[in-house]
Structures are given as C-alpha cells and as structure tokens.
Amino acid sequence: YRLQNEFTVMVGLLPSDPYTKGLFAQGGYAFHFNDYFGIQARGAYSISLPTSLRQQLERDFTILPTAFQRVLFFVGGDLMFRPLYGKLSVINKTVIHGEIHLLGGGSAFAFTDGLTPSLRPAVDIGGGGRLYLGKNASLRLDVVNHIVLAAPGSMTGITNVLAISFGLAVNFGGTE
C-alpha cells in the first residue's frame, strides 16, 4: 500500500513523570515522498492526572500543587523512515498488511507549574508501526521519547517525556 497524504487522530499517554500522568489527544498530517521517507507535523493537548505519590507528598508534607510541572500541549514535526513493510497470512485465509517506521525530529512543549507557563524545545526520537485496515485507512501506534531541553534562564534541566499514542490514520492520494 502506498501512502501520500496521511491524516491522523490519536490518543495517548505520557507515563514517565512519577508525579503526574498525562492523557493527550493528538492530530497530525504526514506527507510521504515515496515508500521509505515522509515528513509529519503534529499537535497534542494534554490533561494531567496526579499520581498517588504526588497526592501523598501534598497531604503528608504540605507540598503545594504548584511545585509540580505538567505538560499543557506540544507541537512538532518529524522525519519518518519506513524500512519494513510486510504481509502476514492469518490461517491462510486473510492477508494483513503492516509496516514499521522510525521517527526523528523536534517539538515544542508547553509546561506549567500552575502559575507560570513555559515553552521549551525538544528533540524527538522514536518509532512505531501500523496495521492497514484497507488501502486508505490504518491503525497506528507510535512510541516517541521527547528529550526536552532546559528553558533559557531556567534552573530546570533536561527532561525526558515519553509519549505513547494509538489511533487511526487515513490516507489520500496514494497509488497502488
């Protein structure tokens, strides 16, 4: 299956922060130059849920909720390399098409501690895969590590934000 103009709608999880877990909704567009390379743009809005560790720190040590940073949203773009494409036979009756891809690029993350929002750049590296539902639709799973750099003049250092997303991708303009 050939891809050209791909639109994605995904939901995901930001599991790496021990104090706050993020749930996000993400939309994106990718243009595929050929069978191997593409470029994508994406944006996501996140809601944060406090963990039991955070609740215990706030309760037992009277730490203010503003001491914890949380992700508000992130936007970015990636180069996509798709080195593996395959077909699987299910009980010798149905053929499933799929691929594995690698991602690398950059993002901007908006963090807040409840008082002051800050925008920080990030370097992205990750990968994922897709299972085709047909020639124009597929289910896609991406796992991306965002290496968020320190904000200028900030005492906060480099942070890793892992994003796991799953959703539907729709393709227009591809040929067989």
C-alpha atoms as a PDB file:
ATOM      1  CA  TYR A   1       0.000   0.000   0.000  1.00  0.00           C
ATOM      2  CA  ARG A   2       1.338   3.416  -0.915  1.00  0.00           C
ATOM      3  CA  LEU A   3       0.883   6.459   1.285  1.00  0.00           C
ATOM      4  CA  GLN A   4       0.904  10.105   0.261  1.00  0.00           C
ATOM      5  CA  ASN A   5      -1.280  12.494   2.307  1.00  0.00           C
ATOM      6  CA  GLU A   6      -1.931  10.978   5.724  1.00  0.00           C
ATOM      7  CA  PHE A   7      -4.159  12.476   8.409  1.00  0.00           C
ATOM      8  CA  THR A   8      -4.028  11.018  11.918  1.00  0.00           C
ATOM      9  CA  VAL A   9      -6.210  11.225  15.002  1.00  0.00           C
ATOM     10  CA  MET A  10      -4.611   9.637  18.054  1.00  0.00           C
ATOM     11  CA  VAL A  11      -4.953   9.356  21.802  1.00  0.00           C
ATOM     12  CA  GLY A  12      -2.029   8.756  24.073  1.00  0.00           C
ATOM     13  CA  LEU A  13      -0.321   8.586  27.427  1.00  0.00           C
ATOM     14  CA  LEU A  14       2.619  10.483  28.950  1.00  0.00           C
ATOM     15  CA  PRO A  15       3.718   7.896  31.561  1.00  0.00           C
ATOM     16  CA  SER A  16       7.252   8.975  32.526  1.00  0.00           C
ATOM     17  CA  ASP A  17       6.565  11.649  35.195  1.00  0.00           C
ATOM     18  CA  PRO A  18       6.288   9.985  38.646  1.00  0.00           C
ATOM     19  CA  TYR A  19       4.060  12.807  39.970  1.00  0.00           C
ATOM     20  CA  THR A  20       1.680  13.426  37.063  1.00  0.00           C
ATOM     21  CA  LYS A  21       0.469  11.182  34.248  1.00  0.00           C
ATOM     22  CA  GLY A  22      -0.753  12.856  31.085  1.00  0.00           C
ATOM     23  CA  LEU A  23      -3.522  11.804  28.745  1.00  0.00           C
ATOM     24  CA  PHE A  24      -3.486  13.521  25.373  1.00  0.00           C
ATOM     25  CA  ALA A  25      -5.376  13.859  22.116  1.00  0.00           C
ATOM     26  CA  GLN A  26      -3.254  14.384  19.024  1.00  0.00           C
ATOM     27  CA  GLY A  27      -3.884  15.310  15.422  1.00  0.00           C
ATOM     28  CA  GLY A  28      -1.389  15.270  12.614  1.00  0.00           C
ATOM     29  CA  TYR A  29      -0.607  15.373   8.927  1.00  0.00           C
ATOM     30  CA  ALA A  30       2.136  13.499   7.093  1.00  0.00           C
ATOM     31  CA  PHE A  31       3.325  13.775   3.520  1.00  0.00           C
ATOM     32  CA  HIS A  32       5.066  10.672   2.203  1.00  0.00           C
ATOM     33  CA  PHE A  33       7.603  11.389  -0.553  1.00  0.00           C
ATOM     34  CA  ASN A  34       7.983   7.723  -1.536  1.00  0.00           C
ATOM     35  CA  ASP A  35       7.736   4.250   0.026  1.00  0.00           C
ATOM     36  CA  TYR A  36      10.540   4.980   2.502  1.00  0.00           C
ATOM     37  CA  PHE A  37      10.530   8.638   3.557  1.00  0.00           C
ATOM     38  CA  GLY A  38       7.972  11.103   4.796  1.00  0.00           C
ATOM     39  CA  ILE A  39       7.605  14.176   6.972  1.00  0.00           C
ATOM     40  CA  GLN A  40       4.900  14.769   9.552  1.00  0.00           C
ATOM     41  CA  ALA A  41       3.538  17.626  11.644  1.00  0.00           C
ATOM     42  CA  ARG A  42       1.539  17.008  14.796  1.00  0.00           C
ATOM     43  CA  GLY A  43      -0.014  18.759  17.746  1.00  0.00           C
ATOM     44  CA  ALA A  44      -1.426  17.460  21.011  1.00  0.00           C
ATOM     45  CA  TYR A  45      -3.336  18.761  24.011  1.00  0.00           C
ATOM     46  CA  SER A  46      -2.747  17.047  27.354  1.00  0.00           C
ATOM     47  CA  ILE A  47      -4.692  16.752  30.575  1.00  0.00           C
ATOM     48  CA  SER A  48      -2.782  15.812  33.699  1.00  0.00           C
ATOM     49  CA  LEU A  49      -3.774  13.367  36.405  1.00  0.00           C
ATOM     50  CA  PRO A  50      -1.949  13.397  39.763  1.00  0.00           C
ATOM     51  CA  THR A  51      -0.424  10.104  40.901  1.00  0.00           C
ATOM     52  CA  SER A  52      -0.777   8.661  44.383  1.00  0.00           C
ATOM     53  CA  LEU A  53       2.854   9.676  45.090  1.00  0.00           C
ATOM     54  CA  ARG A  54       2.016  13.294  44.361  1.00  0.00           C
ATOM     55  CA  GLN A  55      -1.130  13.136  46.472  1.00  0.00           C
ATOM     56  CA  GLN A  56       0.863  11.670  49.362  1.00  0.00           C
ATOM     57  CA  LEU A  57       3.521  14.421  49.104  1.00  0.00           C
ATOM     58  CA  GLU A  58       0.843  17.114  49.050  1.00  0.00           C
ATOM     59  CA  ARG A  59      -1.015  15.532  52.000  1.00  0.00           C
ATOM     60  CA  ASP A  60       1.858  14.450  54.265  1.00  0.00           C
ATOM     61  CA  PHE A  61       4.437  17.159  53.565  1.00  0.00           C
ATOM     62  CA  THR A  62       2.127  20.042  52.573  1.00  0.00           C
ATOM     63  CA  ILE A  63       3.882  20.475  49.245  1.00  0.00           C
ATOM     64  CA  LEU A  64       1.924  22.885  47.072  1.00  0.00           C
ATOM     65  CA  PRO A  65       0.473  21.640  43.760  1.00  0.00           C
ATOM     66  CA  THR A  66       2.443  24.417  42.025  1.00  0.00           C
ATOM     67  CA  ALA A  67       5.687  22.564  42.825  1.00  0.00           C
ATOM     68  CA  PHE A  68       4.906  20.035  40.089  1.00  0.00           C
ATOM     69  CA  GLN A  69       5.249  20.819  36.397  1.00  0.00           C
ATOM     70  CA  ARG A  70       2.771  19.369  33.946  1.00  0.00           C
ATOM     71  CA  VAL A  71       2.525  19.289  30.162  1.00  0.00           C
ATOM     72  CA  LEU A  72      -0.188  21.523  28.682  1.00  0.00           C
ATOM     73  CA  PHE A  73       0.370  20.847  24.994  1.00  0.00           C
ATOM     74  CA  PHE A  74       3.064  20.037  22.465  1.00  0.00           C
ATOM     75  CA  VAL A  75       3.565  20.588  18.736  1.00  0.00           C
ATOM     76  CA  GLY A  76       6.272  19.345  16.448  1.00  0.00           C
ATOM     77  CA  GLY A  77       7.434  17.652  13.321  1.00  0.00           C
ATOM     78  CA  ASP A  78       9.361  14.528  12.429  1.00  0.00           C
ATOM     79  CA  LEU A  79      11.093  12.862   9.555  1.00  0.00           C
ATOM     80  CA  MET A  80       9.705   9.397   9.020  1.00  0.00           C
ATOM     81  CA  PHE A  81      11.729   6.454   7.714  1.00  0.00           C
ATOM     82  CA  ARG A  82       9.761   3.308   6.873  1.00  0.00           C
ATOM     83  CA  PRO A  83      12.288   0.498   6.351  1.00  0.00           C
ATOM     84  CA  LEU A  84       9.992  -2.509   6.921  1.00  0.00           C
ATOM     85  CA  TYR A  85       6.764  -3.387   5.144  1.00  0.00           C
ATOM     86  CA  GLY A  86       5.211  -6.815   5.317  1.00  0.00           C
ATOM     87  CA  LYS A  87       2.249  -9.047   4.800  1.00  0.00           C
ATOM     88  CA  LEU A  88       1.009 -11.706   7.209  1.00  0.00           C
ATOM     89  CA  SER A  89      -1.329 -14.543   6.442  1.00  0.00           C
ATOM     90  CA  VAL A  90      -3.969 -15.326   9.061  1.00  0.00           C
ATOM     91  CA  ILE A  91      -4.998 -19.003   8.938  1.00  0.00           C
ATOM     92  CA  ASN A  92      -4.115 -18.956   5.253  1.00  0.00           C
ATOM     93  CA  LYS A  93      -7.332 -17.030   4.501  1.00  0.00           C
ATOM     94  CA  THR A  94      -6.698 -13.330   5.179  1.00  0.00           C
ATOM     95  CA  VAL A  95      -3.684 -11.166   4.437  1.00  0.00           C
ATOM     96  CA  ILE A  96      -2.764  -8.369   6.853  1.00  0.00           C
ATOM     97  CA  HIS A  97      -0.508  -5.568   5.603  1.00  0.00           C
ATOM     98  CA  GLY A  98       1.712  -3.642   8.025  1.00  0.00           C
ATOM     99  CA  GLU A  99       4.863  -1.616   8.423  1.00  0.00           C
ATOM    100  CA  ILE A 100       7.371  -0.430  10.993  1.00  0.00           C
ATOM    101  CA  HIS A 101       8.661   3.140  10.953  1.00  0.00           C
ATOM    102  CA  LEU A 102      11.306   5.251  12.708  1.00  0.00           C
ATOM    103  CA  LEU A 103      10.765   8.881  13.717  1.00  0.00           C
ATOM    104  CA  GLY A 104      13.171  11.726  14.444  1.00  0.00           C
ATOM    105  CA  GLY A 105      12.586  15.462  14.730  1.00  0.00           C
ATOM    106  CA  GLY A 106      11.779  18.290  17.086  1.00  0.00           C
ATOM    107  CA  SER A 107       8.964  19.639  19.228  1.00  0.00           C
ATOM    108  CA  ALA A 108       7.967  22.496  21.469  1.00  0.00           C
ATOM    109  CA  PHE A 109       6.439  21.640  24.849  1.00  0.00           C
ATOM    110  CA  ALA A 110       4.311  23.976  26.951  1.00  0.00           C
ATOM    111  CA  PHE A 111       4.726  23.252  30.659  1.00  0.00           C
ATOM    112  CA  THR A 112       3.043  24.894  33.621  1.00  0.00           C
ATOM    113  CA  ASP A 113       3.505  24.669  37.352  1.00  0.00           C
ATOM    114  CA  GLY A 114       0.061  26.136  37.913  1.00  0.00           C
ATOM    115  CA  LEU A 115       1.387  29.697  37.892  1.00  0.00           C
ATOM    116  CA  THR A 116       3.822  30.241  35.055  1.00  0.00           C
ATOM    117  CA  PRO A 117       3.634  28.576  31.641  1.00  0.00           C
ATOM    118  CA  SER A 118       6.897  27.970  29.812  1.00  0.00           C
ATOM    119  CA  LEU A 119       7.650  26.855  26.275  1.00  0.00           C
ATOM    120  CA  ARG A 120      10.628  24.513  25.888  1.00  0.00           C
ATOM    121  CA  PRO A 121      12.221  22.907  22.809  1.00  0.00           C
ATOM    122  CA  ALA A 122      12.647  19.148  22.489  1.00  0.00           C
ATOM    123  CA  VAL A 123      14.469  16.624  20.336  1.00  0.00           C
ATOM    124  CA  ASP A 124      12.334  13.610  19.366  1.00  0.00           C
ATOM    125  CA  ILE A 125      13.377  10.049  18.631  1.00  0.00           C
ATOM    126  CA  GLY A 126      11.132   7.047  18.373  1.00  0.00           C
ATOM    127  CA  GLY A 127       9.304   4.605  16.217  1.00  0.00           C
ATOM    128  CA  GLY A 128       6.117   2.758  15.681  1.00  0.00           C
ATOM    129  CA  GLY A 129       4.074   0.596  13.439  1.00  0.00           C
ATOM    130  CA  ARG A 130       0.836   0.357  11.563  1.00  0.00           C
ATOM    131  CA  LEU A 131      -1.649  -2.279  10.514  1.00  0.00           C
ATOM    132  CA  TYR A 132      -3.603  -1.469   7.382  1.00  0.00           C
ATOM    133  CA  LEU A 133      -7.375  -1.775   7.564  1.00  0.00           C
ATOM    134  CA  GLY A 134      -7.547  -1.175   3.809  1.00  0.00           C
ATOM    135  CA  LYS A 135      -5.764   0.874   1.177  1.00  0.00           C
ATOM    136  CA  ASN A 136      -6.846   4.183   2.734  1.00  0.00           C
ATOM    137  CA  ALA A 137      -7.002   3.512   6.485  1.00  0.00           C
ATOM    138  CA  SER A 138      -4.686   2.056   9.098  1.00  0.00           C
ATOM    139  CA  LEU A 139      -4.262   1.694  12.839  1.00  0.00           C
ATOM    140  CA  ARG A 140      -1.062   3.337  14.024  1.00  0.00           C
ATOM    141  CA  LEU A 141       0.998   3.012  17.216  1.00  0.00           C
ATOM    142  CA  ASP A 142       3.864   5.439  17.959  1.00  0.00           C
ATOM    143  CA  VAL A 143       6.311   5.468  20.869  1.00  0.00           C
ATOM    144  CA  VAL A 144       8.415   8.642  20.982  1.00  0.00           C
ATOM    145  CA  ASN A 145      10.916   9.894  23.551  1.00  0.00           C
ATOM    146  CA  HIS A 146      10.962  13.686  23.670  1.00  0.00           C
ATOM    147  CA  ILE A 147      14.222  14.999  25.136  1.00  0.00           C
ATOM    148  CA  VAL A 148      13.021  18.369  26.451  1.00  0.00           C
ATOM    149  CA  LEU A 149      15.785  20.933  26.804  1.00  0.00           C
ATOM    150  CA  ALA A 150      16.029  23.498  29.584  1.00  0.00           C
ATOM    151  CA  ALA A 151      14.228  26.782  29.074  1.00  0.00           C
ATOM    152  CA  PRO A 152      16.563  29.776  28.648  1.00  0.00           C
ATOM    153  CA  GLY A 153      17.455  31.183  32.067  1.00  0.00           C
ATOM    154  CA  SER A 154      15.775  28.288  33.855  1.00  0.00           C
ATOM    155  CA  MET A 155      17.208  26.156  36.623  1.00  0.00           C
ATOM    156  CA  THR A 156      15.288  23.147  35.284  1.00  0.00           C
ATOM    157  CA  GLY A 157      17.474  20.727  33.340  1.00  0.00           C
ATOM    158  CA  ILE A 158      16.843  18.277  30.554  1.00  0.00           C
ATOM    159  CA  THR A 159      13.667  16.225  30.922  1.00  0.00           C
ATOM    160  CA  ASN A 160      12.551  13.083  29.094  1.00  0.00           C
ATOM    161  CA  VAL A 161       8.883  12.893  28.168  1.00  0.00           C
ATOM    162  CA  LEU A 162       7.804   9.535  26.781  1.00  0.00           C
ATOM    163  CA  ALA A 163       4.695   9.647  24.576  1.00  0.00           C
ATOM    164  CA  ILE A 164       2.785   6.509  23.630  1.00  0.00           C
ATOM    165  CA  SER A 165      -0.006   7.119  21.128  1.00  0.00           C
ATOM    166  CA  PHE A 166      -2.509   4.971  19.255  1.00  0.00           C
ATOM    167  CA  GLY A 167      -5.033   5.964  16.656  1.00  0.00           C
ATOM    168  CA  LEU A 168      -6.486   5.994  13.183  1.00  0.00           C
ATOM    169  CA  ALA A 169      -4.639   7.179  10.077  1.00  0.00           C
ATOM    170  CA  VAL A 170      -6.413   7.992   6.809  1.00  0.00           C
ATOM    171  CA  ASN A 171      -4.525   8.256   3.517  1.00  0.00           C
ATOM    172  CA  PHE A 172      -5.480  10.295   0.431  1.00  0.00           C
ATOM    173  CA  GLY A 173      -3.715  10.392  -2.915  1.00  0.00           C
ATOM    174  CA  GLY A 174      -1.661   7.213  -2.659  1.00  0.00           C
ATOM    175  CA  THR A 175      -1.446   4.841  -5.582  1.00  0.00           C
ATOM    176  CA  GLU A 176      -1.136   1.077  -5.778  1.00  0.00           C
END
